[in-house]
Structure formats: C-alpha cells, structure tokens
C-alpha atoms as a PDB file:
ATOM      1  CA  MET A   1     153.874  30.419   2.750  1.00  0.00           C
ATOM      2  CA  ASN A   2     154.774  33.262   5.075  1.00  0.00           C
ATOM      3  CA  ILE A   3     152.315  32.933   7.977  1.00  0.00           C
ATOM      4  CA  LEU A   4     152.526  33.648  11.699  1.00  0.00           C
ATOM      5  CA  PRO A   5     153.165  30.472  13.707  1.00  0.00           C
ATOM      6  CA  GLY A   6     149.822  30.812  15.465  1.00  0.00           C
ATOM      7  CA  ASP A   7     148.021  30.887  12.114  1.00  0.00           C
ATOM      8  CA  MET A   8     149.641  27.775  10.618  1.00  0.00           C
ATOM      9  CA  GLN A   9     146.789  25.408  11.419  1.00  0.00           C
ATOM     10  CA  ARG A  10     144.175  27.769   9.984  1.00  0.00           C
ATOM     11  CA  ALA A  11     146.329  28.385   6.904  1.00  0.00           C
ATOM     12  CA  ALA A  12     146.655  24.639   6.320  1.00  0.00           C
ATOM     13  CA  LYS A  13     142.881  24.233   6.525  1.00  0.00           C
ATOM     14  CA  LEU A  14     142.345  27.126   4.135  1.00  0.00           C
ATOM     15  CA  LEU A  15     144.861  25.682   1.701  1.00  0.00           C
ATOM     16  CA  ASP A  16     143.061  22.339   1.840  1.00  0.00           C
ATOM     17  CA  CYS A  17     139.803  24.199   1.244  1.00  0.00           C
ATOM     18  CA  CYS A  18     141.301  25.896  -1.820  1.00  0.00           C
ATOM     19  CA  ASP A  19     142.467  22.562  -3.217  1.00  0.00           C
ATOM     20  CA  TYR A  20     139.107  20.918  -2.579  1.00  0.00           C
ATOM     21  CA  CYS A  21     137.119  23.754  -4.122  1.00  0.00           C
ATOM     22  CA  LEU A  22     139.209  23.785  -7.270  1.00  0.00           C
ATOM     23  CA  ALA A  23     138.882  20.019  -7.611  1.00  0.00           C
ATOM     24  CA  ARG A  24     135.101  20.226  -7.184  1.00  0.00           C
ATOM     25  CA  ALA A  25     134.903  23.076  -9.693  1.00  0.00           C
ATOM     26  CA  ARG A  26     136.861  21.011 -12.193  1.00  0.00           C
ATOM     27  CA  VAL A  27     134.587  17.993 -11.692  1.00  0.00           C
ATOM     28  CA  ALA A  28     131.532  20.194 -12.187  1.00  0.00           C
ATOM     29  CA  GLN A  29     133.063  21.667 -15.325  1.00  0.00           C
ATOM     30  CA  PHE A  30     133.723  18.208 -16.744  1.00  0.00           C
ATOM     31  CA  GLY A  31     130.097  17.373 -16.003  1.00  0.00           C
ATOM     32  CA  ARG A  32     129.025  20.482 -17.911  1.00  0.00           C
ATOM     33  CA  ASP A  33     127.427  21.948 -14.778  1.00  0.00           C
ATOM     34  CA  LEU A  34     128.835  25.441 -15.028  1.00  0.00           C
ATOM     35  CA  ASN A  35     126.598  26.830 -12.288  1.00  0.00           C
ATOM     36  CA  GLU A  36     127.989  24.278  -9.856  1.00  0.00           C
ATOM     37  CA  ALA A  37     131.518  25.017 -11.054  1.00  0.00           C
ATOM     38  CA  GLU A  38     130.931  28.715 -10.478  1.00  0.00           C
ATOM     39  CA  LYS A  39     129.714  28.015  -6.945  1.00  0.00           C
ATOM     40  CA  TRP A  40     132.943  26.173  -6.160  1.00  0.00           C
ATOM     41  CA  VAL A  41     135.080  28.866  -7.748  1.00  0.00           C
ATOM     42  CA  LYS A  42     133.395  31.454  -5.525  1.00  0.00           C
ATOM     43  CA  GLU A  43     134.085  29.288  -2.489  1.00  0.00           C
ATOM     44  CA  PHE A  44     137.708  28.956  -3.604  1.00  0.00           C
ATOM     45  CA  LEU A  45     137.977  32.743  -3.825  1.00  0.00           C
ATOM     46  CA  ARG A  46     136.574  33.083  -0.307  1.00  0.00           C
ATOM     47  CA  CYS A  47     139.155  30.658   1.068  1.00  0.00           C
ATOM     48  CA  LYS A  48     141.901  32.361  -0.934  1.00  0.00           C
ATOM     49  CA  ARG A  49     140.870  35.773   0.408  1.00  0.00           C
ATOM     50  CA  ASP A  50     141.075  34.457   3.981  1.00  0.00           C
ATOM     51  CA  LEU A  51     144.470  32.928   3.242  1.00  0.00           C
ATOM     52  CA  ASP A  52     145.687  36.204   1.744  1.00  0.00           C
ATOM     53  CA  GLU A  53     144.577  37.963   4.919  1.00  0.00           C
ATOM     54  CA  LEU A  54     146.794  35.673   7.004  1.00  0.00           C
ATOM     55  CA  VAL A  55     149.732  36.475   4.731  1.00  0.00           C
ATOM     56  CA  ARG A  56     148.985  40.208   5.018  1.00  0.00           C
ATOM     57  CA  LYS A  57     148.818  39.876   8.804  1.00  0.00           C
ATOM     58  CA  LYS A  58     152.300  38.296   8.827  1.00  0.00           C
ATOM     59  CA  GLU A  59     153.689  41.008   6.550  1.00  0.00           C
ATOM     60  CA  GLU A  60     152.302  43.682   8.869  1.00  0.00           C
ATOM     61  CA  HIS A  61     153.830  41.886  11.853  1.00  0.00           C
ATOM     62  CA  ASP A  62     157.210  41.751  10.120  1.00  0.00           C
ATOM     63  CA  LYS A  63     157.066  45.481   9.346  1.00  0.00           C
ATOM     64  CA  LEU A  64     156.361  46.237  12.998  1.00  0.00           C
ATOM     65  CA  LEU A  65     159.341  44.130  14.022  1.00  0.00           C
ATOM     66  CA  GLU A  66     161.513  46.111  11.609  1.00  0.00           C
ATOM     67  CA  VAL A  67     160.343  49.375  13.185  1.00  0.00           C
ATOM     68  CA  VAL A  68     161.105  48.058  16.666  1.00  0.00           C
ATOM     69  CA  GLU A  69     164.582  46.944  15.592  1.00  0.00           C
ATOM     70  CA  LEU A  70     165.217  50.313  13.953  1.00  0.00           C
ATOM     71  CA  MET A  71     164.152  52.093  17.123  1.00  0.00           C
ATOM     72  CA  LYS A  72     166.421  49.877  19.222  1.00  0.00           C
ATOM     73  CA  ALA A  73     169.323  50.585  16.875  1.00  0.00           C
ATOM     74  CA  ARG A  74     168.735  54.300  17.388  1.00  0.00           C
ATOM     75  CA  GLY A  75     168.690  53.875  21.150  1.00  0.00           C
ATOM     76  CA  ILE A  76     164.958  54.347  21.616  1.00  0.00           C
ATOM     77  CA  ASP A  77     163.514  52.250  24.430  1.00  0.00           C
ATOM     78  CA  ILE A  78     160.242  50.880  23.088  1.00  0.00           C
ATOM     79  CA  GLU A  79     159.082  49.822  26.566  1.00  0.00           C
ATOM     80  CA  ILE A  80     159.025  53.446  27.727  1.00  0.00           C
ATOM     81  CA  ILE A  81     156.963  54.414  24.704  1.00  0.00           C
ATOM     82  CA  LEU A  82     154.533  51.581  25.371  1.00  0.00           C
ATOM     83  CA  ARG A  83     154.164  52.552  29.037  1.00  0.00           C
ATOM     84  CA  LYS A  84     153.563  56.193  28.116  1.00  0.00           C
ATOM     85  CA  GLY A  85     150.969  55.151  25.555  1.00  0.00           C
ATOM     86  CA  ASN A  86     149.121  53.013  28.089  1.00  0.00           C
ATOM     87  CA  GLU A  87     148.944  55.862  30.624  1.00  0.00           C
ATOM     88  CA  GLN A  88     146.717  57.975  28.416  1.00  0.00           C
END
C-alpha cells in the first residue's frame, strides 16, 4: 500500500477495520441477518473510503515531489518561490 510514512499507523488500523467489518458482515450473512450484514458492509465502505483518502494523499504528495524535481532540473530555485509566496 502506497501511504505516507506518517499515515502508516492509521492505515494499518483502517485495514484492520476493513478486515473486521467484512468478517462481521459474513457472519451476519451466514446467520441470515441481512440488515446486520448491511450495517457492517457500510462500515467497511467507510473505512475503505478513509483508506483510499490516505492513498490519494500520498499520490498527491508524490506529484508535488515530481514538480519540485522538474523545477530543480530546469534551474528554478523553489525556495525563492516559496519565500515570495509567503511575502504576500
């Protein structure tokens, strides 16, 4: 899973949540309690959405790093741009 290092612990918890929710949904399905199964599937989707957000955050971070590297390769000093941006 492609996650920022600072998000690893949260991602692990969300992944555990996904596993747990799917297991509970399956147990409820076996017990013919489809309403309970649906509740757990919805909870799984919530955890999955949060996990997807962490992945998206990492992808955005990687794109920004690519832009910075491209600017450096073209001789653009990113620190000057940042200082100018902070002056406004």
